[in-house]
């Protein structure tokens, strides 16, 4: 049983994360109670960490 109830929108965002991040987050949520707004922050942070760096095109 998970300690945190995950709303459908957040669950979809979690499932869109790369496998290793998704597994780690779901494992963490299995043991911790996390408020919905805090879970939003965690998901946002993880999404920003997986974005590829942008490079400016040379002029």
PDB file of N, CA and C in Angstrom:
ATOM      1  N   UNK A   1       0.840  -1.184   0.000  1.00  0.00           N
ATOM      2  CA  UNK A   1       0.000   0.000   0.000  1.00  0.00           C
ATOM      3  C   UNK A   1       0.884   1.247   0.000  1.00  0.00           C
ATOM      4  N   UNK A   2       0.533   2.206  -0.813  1.00  0.00           N
ATOM      5  CA  UNK A   2       1.332   3.419  -0.901  1.00  0.00           C
ATOM      6  C   UNK A   2       0.935   4.381   0.206  1.00  0.00           C
ATOM      7  N   UNK A   3       1.925   5.068   0.739  1.00  0.00           N
ATOM      8  CA  UNK A   3       1.675   6.036   1.802  1.00  0.00           C
ATOM      9  C   UNK A   3       1.058   7.313   1.265  1.00  0.00           C
ATOM     10  N   UNK A   4       1.309   7.617   0.004  1.00  0.00           N
ATOM     11  CA  UNK A   4       0.801   8.837  -0.615  1.00  0.00           C
ATOM     12  C   UNK A   4      -0.249   8.480  -1.658  1.00  0.00           C
ATOM     13  N   UNK A   5      -1.402   9.121  -1.576  1.00  0.00           N
ATOM     14  CA  UNK A   5      -2.418   8.975  -2.632  1.00  0.00           C
ATOM     15  C   UNK A   5      -1.957   9.835  -3.798  1.00  0.00           C
ATOM     16  N   UNK A   6      -1.916   9.253  -4.994  1.00  0.00           N
ATOM     17  CA  UNK A   6      -1.452   9.985  -6.174  1.00  0.00           C
ATOM     18  C   UNK A   6      -2.641  10.278  -7.075  1.00  0.00           C
ATOM     19  N   UNK A   7      -2.978  11.561  -7.233  1.00  0.00           N
ATOM     20  CA  UNK A   7      -4.055  11.932  -8.157  1.00  0.00           C
ATOM     21  C   UNK A   7      -3.703  11.515  -9.589  1.00  0.00           C
ATOM     22  N   UNK A   8      -4.708  11.222 -10.417  1.00  0.00           N
ATOM     23  CA  UNK A   8      -4.458  10.748 -11.792  1.00  0.00           C
ATOM     24  C   UNK A   8      -3.527  11.644 -12.608  1.00  0.00           C
ATOM     25  N   UNK A   9      -3.684  12.969 -12.513  1.00  0.00           N
ATOM     26  CA  UNK A   9      -2.827  13.868 -13.301  1.00  0.00           C
ATOM     27  C   UNK A   9      -1.360  13.704 -12.898  1.00  0.00           C
ATOM     28  N   UNK A  10      -1.100  13.646 -11.601  1.00  0.00           N
ATOM     29  CA  UNK A  10       0.271  13.482 -11.133  1.00  0.00           C
ATOM     30  C   UNK A  10       0.802  12.093 -11.491  1.00  0.00           C
ATOM     31  N   UNK A  11      -0.051  11.079 -11.413  1.00  0.00           N
ATOM     32  CA  UNK A  11       0.377   9.727 -11.771  1.00  0.00           C
ATOM     33  C   UNK A  11       0.823   9.695 -13.235  1.00  0.00           C
ATOM     34  N   UNK A  12       0.081  10.354 -14.101  1.00  0.00           N
ATOM     35  CA  UNK A  12       0.455  10.412 -15.517  1.00  0.00           C
ATOM     36  C   UNK A  12       1.808  11.084 -15.706  1.00  0.00           C
ATOM     37  N   UNK A  13       2.045  12.154 -14.949  1.00  0.00           N
ATOM     38  CA  UNK A  13       3.329  12.856 -15.040  1.00  0.00           C
ATOM     39  C   UNK A  13       4.465  11.969 -14.537  1.00  0.00           C
ATOM     40  N   UNK A  14       4.215  11.227 -13.481  1.00  0.00           N
ATOM     41  CA  UNK A  14       5.235  10.318 -12.948  1.00  0.00           C
ATOM     42  C   UNK A  14       5.547   9.239 -13.976  1.00  0.00           C
ATOM     43  N   UNK A  15       4.517   8.684 -14.596  1.00  0.00           N
ATOM     44  CA  UNK A  15       4.731   7.610 -15.564  1.00  0.00           C
ATOM     45  C   UNK A  15       5.473   8.095 -16.810  1.00  0.00           C
ATOM     46  N   UNK A  16       5.457   9.396 -17.062  1.00  0.00           N
ATOM     47  CA  UNK A  16       6.169   9.951 -18.213  1.00  0.00           C
ATOM     48  C   UNK A  16       7.654  10.183 -17.921  1.00  0.00           C
ATOM     49  N   UNK A  17       8.057  10.060 -16.667  1.00  0.00           N
ATOM     50  CA  UNK A  17       9.472  10.240 -16.308  1.00  0.00           C
ATOM     51  C   UNK A  17      10.294   9.071 -16.833  1.00  0.00           C
ATOM     52  N   UNK A  18      11.602   9.267 -17.012  1.00  0.00           N
ATOM     53  CA  UNK A  18      12.465   8.148 -17.376  1.00  0.00           C
ATOM     54  C   UNK A  18      12.359   7.037 -16.324  1.00  0.00           C
ATOM     55  N   UNK A  19      12.532   5.818 -16.756  1.00  0.00           N
ATOM     56  CA  UNK A  19      12.314   4.644 -15.907  1.00  0.00           C
ATOM     57  C   UNK A  19      13.022   4.728 -14.567  1.00  0.00           C
ATOM     58  N   UNK A  20      14.290   5.094 -14.551  1.00  0.00           N
ATOM     59  CA  UNK A  20      15.029   5.090 -13.286  1.00  0.00           C
ATOM     60  C   UNK A  20      14.470   6.118 -12.302  1.00  0.00           C
ATOM     61  N   UNK A  21      14.068   7.282 -12.800  1.00  0.00           N
ATOM     62  CA  UNK A  21      13.487   8.299 -11.922  1.00  0.00           C
ATOM     63  C   UNK A  21      12.102   7.886 -11.447  1.00  0.00           C
ATOM     64  N   UNK A  22      11.325   7.315 -12.359  1.00  0.00           N
ATOM     65  CA  UNK A  22       9.976   6.866 -12.021  1.00  0.00           C
ATOM     66  C   UNK A  22      10.021   5.811 -10.915  1.00  0.00           C
ATOM     67  N   UNK A  23      10.901   4.831 -11.069  1.00  0.00           N
ATOM     68  CA  UNK A  23      11.018   3.776 -10.057  1.00  0.00           C
ATOM     69  C   UNK A  23      11.408   4.340  -8.701  1.00  0.00           C
ATOM     70  N   UNK A  24      12.403   5.209  -8.706  1.00  0.00           N
ATOM     71  CA  UNK A  24      12.867   5.796  -7.441  1.00  0.00           C
ATOM     72  C   UNK A  24      11.763   6.603  -6.774  1.00  0.00           C
ATOM     73  N   UNK A  25      11.047   7.398  -7.540  1.00  0.00           N
ATOM     74  CA  UNK A  25       9.986   8.225  -6.971  1.00  0.00           C
ATOM     75  C   UNK A  25       8.849   7.358  -6.437  1.00  0.00           C
ATOM     76  N   UNK A  26       8.427   6.357  -7.194  1.00  0.00           N
ATOM     77  CA  UNK A  26       7.346   5.491  -6.718  1.00  0.00           C
ATOM     78  C   UNK A  26       7.758   4.716  -5.473  1.00  0.00           C
ATOM     79  N   UNK A  27       9.006   4.295  -5.420  1.00  0.00           N
ATOM     80  CA  UNK A  27       9.495   3.611  -4.215  1.00  0.00           C
ATOM     81  C   UNK A  27       9.459   4.565  -3.018  1.00  0.00           C
ATOM     82  N   UNK A  28       9.918   5.785  -3.214  1.00  0.00           N
ATOM     83  CA  UNK A  28       9.887   6.789  -2.149  1.00  0.00           C
ATOM     84  C   UNK A  28       8.458   7.037  -1.675  1.00  0.00           C
ATOM     85  N   UNK A  29       7.535   7.176  -2.631  1.00  0.00           N
ATOM     86  CA  UNK A  29       6.141   7.452  -2.281  1.00  0.00           C
ATOM     87  C   UNK A  29       5.489   6.269  -1.565  1.00  0.00           C
ATOM     88  N   UNK A  30       6.054   5.090  -1.739  1.00  0.00           N
ATOM     89  CA  UNK A  30       5.544   3.916  -1.042  1.00  0.00           C
ATOM     90  C   UNK A  30       5.799   3.966   0.454  1.00  0.00           C
ATOM     91  N   UNK A  31       6.750   4.768   0.873  1.00  0.00           N
ATOM     92  CA  UNK A  31       7.121   4.842   2.292  1.00  0.00           C
ATOM     93  C   UNK A  31       6.843   6.202   2.922  1.00  0.00           C
ATOM     94  N   UNK A  32       6.608   7.206   2.129  1.00  0.00           N
ATOM     95  CA  UNK A  32       6.483   8.565   2.663  1.00  0.00           C
ATOM     96  C   UNK A  32       5.100   9.145   2.371  1.00  0.00           C
ATOM     97  N   UNK A  33       4.637   9.953   3.273  1.00  0.00           N
ATOM     98  CA  UNK A  33       3.413  10.720   3.022  1.00  0.00           C
ATOM     99  C   UNK A  33       3.836  12.074   2.474  1.00  0.00           C
ATOM    100  N   UNK A  34       3.382  12.378   1.275  1.00  0.00           N
ATOM    101  CA  UNK A  34       3.760  13.617   0.605  1.00  0.00           C
ATOM    102  C   UNK A  34       2.482  14.344   0.201  1.00  0.00           C
ATOM    103  N   UNK A  35       2.397  15.611   0.563  1.00  0.00           N
ATOM    104  CA  UNK A  35       1.236  16.419   0.191  1.00  0.00           C
ATOM    105  C   UNK A  35       1.217  16.623  -1.323  1.00  0.00           C
ATOM    106  N   UNK A  36       0.024  16.835  -1.864  1.00  0.00           N
ATOM    107  CA  UNK A  36      -0.142  16.988  -3.307  1.00  0.00           C
ATOM    108  C   UNK A  36       0.701  18.127  -3.873  1.00  0.00           C
ATOM    109  N   UNK A  37       0.758  19.263  -3.179  1.00  0.00           N
ATOM    110  CA  UNK A  37       1.553  20.388  -3.687  1.00  0.00           C
ATOM    111  C   UNK A  37       3.045  20.087  -3.634  1.00  0.00           C
ATOM    112  N   UNK A  38       3.475  19.339  -2.632  1.00  0.00           N
ATOM    113  CA  UNK A  38       4.894  18.952  -2.559  1.00  0.00           C
ATOM    114  C   UNK A  38       5.237  17.961  -3.665  1.00  0.00           C
ATOM    115  N   UNK A  39       4.308  17.055  -3.956  1.00  0.00           N
ATOM    116  CA  UNK A  39       4.540  16.100  -5.036  1.00  0.00           C
ATOM    117  C   UNK A  39       4.655  16.830  -6.373  1.00  0.00           C
ATOM    118  N   UNK A  40       3.852  17.870  -6.567  1.00  0.00           N
ATOM    119  CA  UNK A  40       3.986  18.700  -7.780  1.00  0.00           C
ATOM    120  C   UNK A  40       5.397  19.263  -7.897  1.00  0.00           C
ATOM    121  N   UNK A  41       5.931  19.754  -6.792  1.00  0.00           N
ATOM    122  CA  UNK A  41       7.287  20.326  -6.794  1.00  0.00           C
ATOM    123  C   UNK A  41       8.329  19.269  -7.121  1.00  0.00           C
ATOM    124  N   UNK A  42       8.172  18.085  -6.563  1.00  0.00           N
ATOM    125  CA  UNK A  42       9.123  16.995  -6.816  1.00  0.00           C
ATOM    126  C   UNK A  42       9.089  16.610  -8.291  1.00  0.00           C
ATOM    127  N   UNK A  43       7.894  16.447  -8.843  1.00  0.00           N
ATOM    128  CA  UNK A  43       7.756  16.062 -10.251  1.00  0.00           C
ATOM    129  C   UNK A  43       8.366  17.129 -11.152  1.00  0.00           C
ATOM    130  N   UNK A  44       8.075  18.389 -10.866  1.00  0.00           N
ATOM    131  CA  UNK A  44       8.627  19.494 -11.660  1.00  0.00           C
ATOM    132  C   UNK A  44      10.147  19.486 -11.603  1.00  0.00           C
ATOM    133  N   UNK A  45      10.693  19.293 -10.425  1.00  0.00           N
ATOM    134  CA  UNK A  45      12.150  19.250 -10.270  1.00  0.00           C
ATOM    135  C   UNK A  45      12.746  18.103 -11.076  1.00  0.00           C
ATOM    136  N   UNK A  46      12.136  16.937 -11.011  1.00  0.00           N
ATOM    137  CA  UNK A  46      12.663  15.799 -11.767  1.00  0.00           C
ATOM    138  C   UNK A  46      12.563  16.032 -13.268  1.00  0.00           C
ATOM    139  N   UNK A  47      11.475  16.641 -13.723  1.00  0.00           N
ATOM    140  CA  UNK A  47      11.327  16.927 -15.164  1.00  0.00           C
ATOM    141  C   UNK A  47      12.393  17.906 -15.643  1.00  0.00           C
ATOM    142  N   UNK A  48      12.729  18.890 -14.836  1.00  0.00           N
ATOM    143  CA  UNK A  48      13.745  19.857 -15.262  1.00  0.00           C
ATOM    144  C   UNK A  48      15.135  19.232 -15.270  1.00  0.00           C
ATOM    145  N   UNK A  49      15.349  18.227 -14.456  1.00  0.00           N
ATOM    146  CA  UNK A  49      16.654  17.567 -14.422  1.00  0.00           C
ATOM    147  C   UNK A  49      16.901  16.690 -15.638  1.00  0.00           C
ATOM    148  N   UNK A  50      15.857  16.229 -16.286  1.00  0.00           N
ATOM    149  CA  UNK A  50      16.042  15.324 -17.423  1.00  0.00           C
ATOM    150  C   UNK A  50      16.022  16.028 -18.762  1.00  0.00           C
ATOM    151  N   UNK A  51      15.737  17.312 -18.784  1.00  0.00           N
ATOM    152  CA  UNK A  51      15.745  18.042 -20.047  1.00  0.00           C
ATOM    153  C   UNK A  51      17.163  18.186 -20.565  1.00  0.00           C
ATOM    154  N   UNK A  52      17.309  18.013 -21.847  1.00  0.00           N
ATOM    155  CA  UNK A  52      18.628  18.163 -22.464  1.00  0.00           C
ATOM    156  C   UNK A  52      19.031  19.630 -22.446  1.00  0.00           C
ATOM    157  N   UNK A  53      20.312  19.884 -22.301  1.00  0.00           N
ATOM    158  CA  UNK A  53      20.756  21.277 -22.331  1.00  0.00           C
ATOM    159  C   UNK A  53      20.540  21.862 -23.717  1.00  0.00           C
ATOM    160  N   UNK A  54      20.248  23.151 -23.751  1.00  0.00           N
ATOM    161  CA  UNK A  54      20.070  23.799 -25.046  1.00  0.00           C
ATOM    162  C   UNK A  54      21.361  24.518 -25.399  1.00  0.00           C
ATOM    163  N   UNK A  55      21.702  24.451 -26.655  1.00  0.00           N
ATOM    164  CA  UNK A  55      22.912  25.098 -27.136  1.00  0.00           C
ATOM    165  C   UNK A  55      22.536  26.153 -28.158  1.00  0.00           C
ATOM    166  N   UNK A  56      23.118  27.304 -28.039  1.00  0.00           N
ATOM    167  CA  UNK A  56      22.860  28.361 -28.999  1.00  0.00           C
ATOM    168  C   UNK A  56      23.557  28.023 -30.306  1.00  0.00           C
ATOM    169  N   UNK A  57      22.874  28.299 -31.402  1.00  0.00           N
ATOM    170  CA  UNK A  57      23.492  28.069 -32.715  1.00  0.00           C
ATOM    171  C   UNK A  57      24.514  29.165 -32.959  1.00  0.00           C
ATOM    172  N   UNK A  58      25.648  28.801 -33.534  1.00  0.00           N
ATOM    173  CA  UNK A  58      26.643  29.844 -33.838  1.00  0.00           C
ATOM    174  C   UNK A  58      26.127  30.790 -34.913  1.00  0.00           C
ATOM    175  N   UNK A  59      26.494  32.038 -34.783  1.00  0.00           N
ATOM    176  CA  UNK A  59      26.054  33.061 -35.749  1.00  0.00           C
ATOM    177  C   UNK A  59      26.949  33.105 -36.935  1.00  0.00           C
TER     178      UNK A  59
END
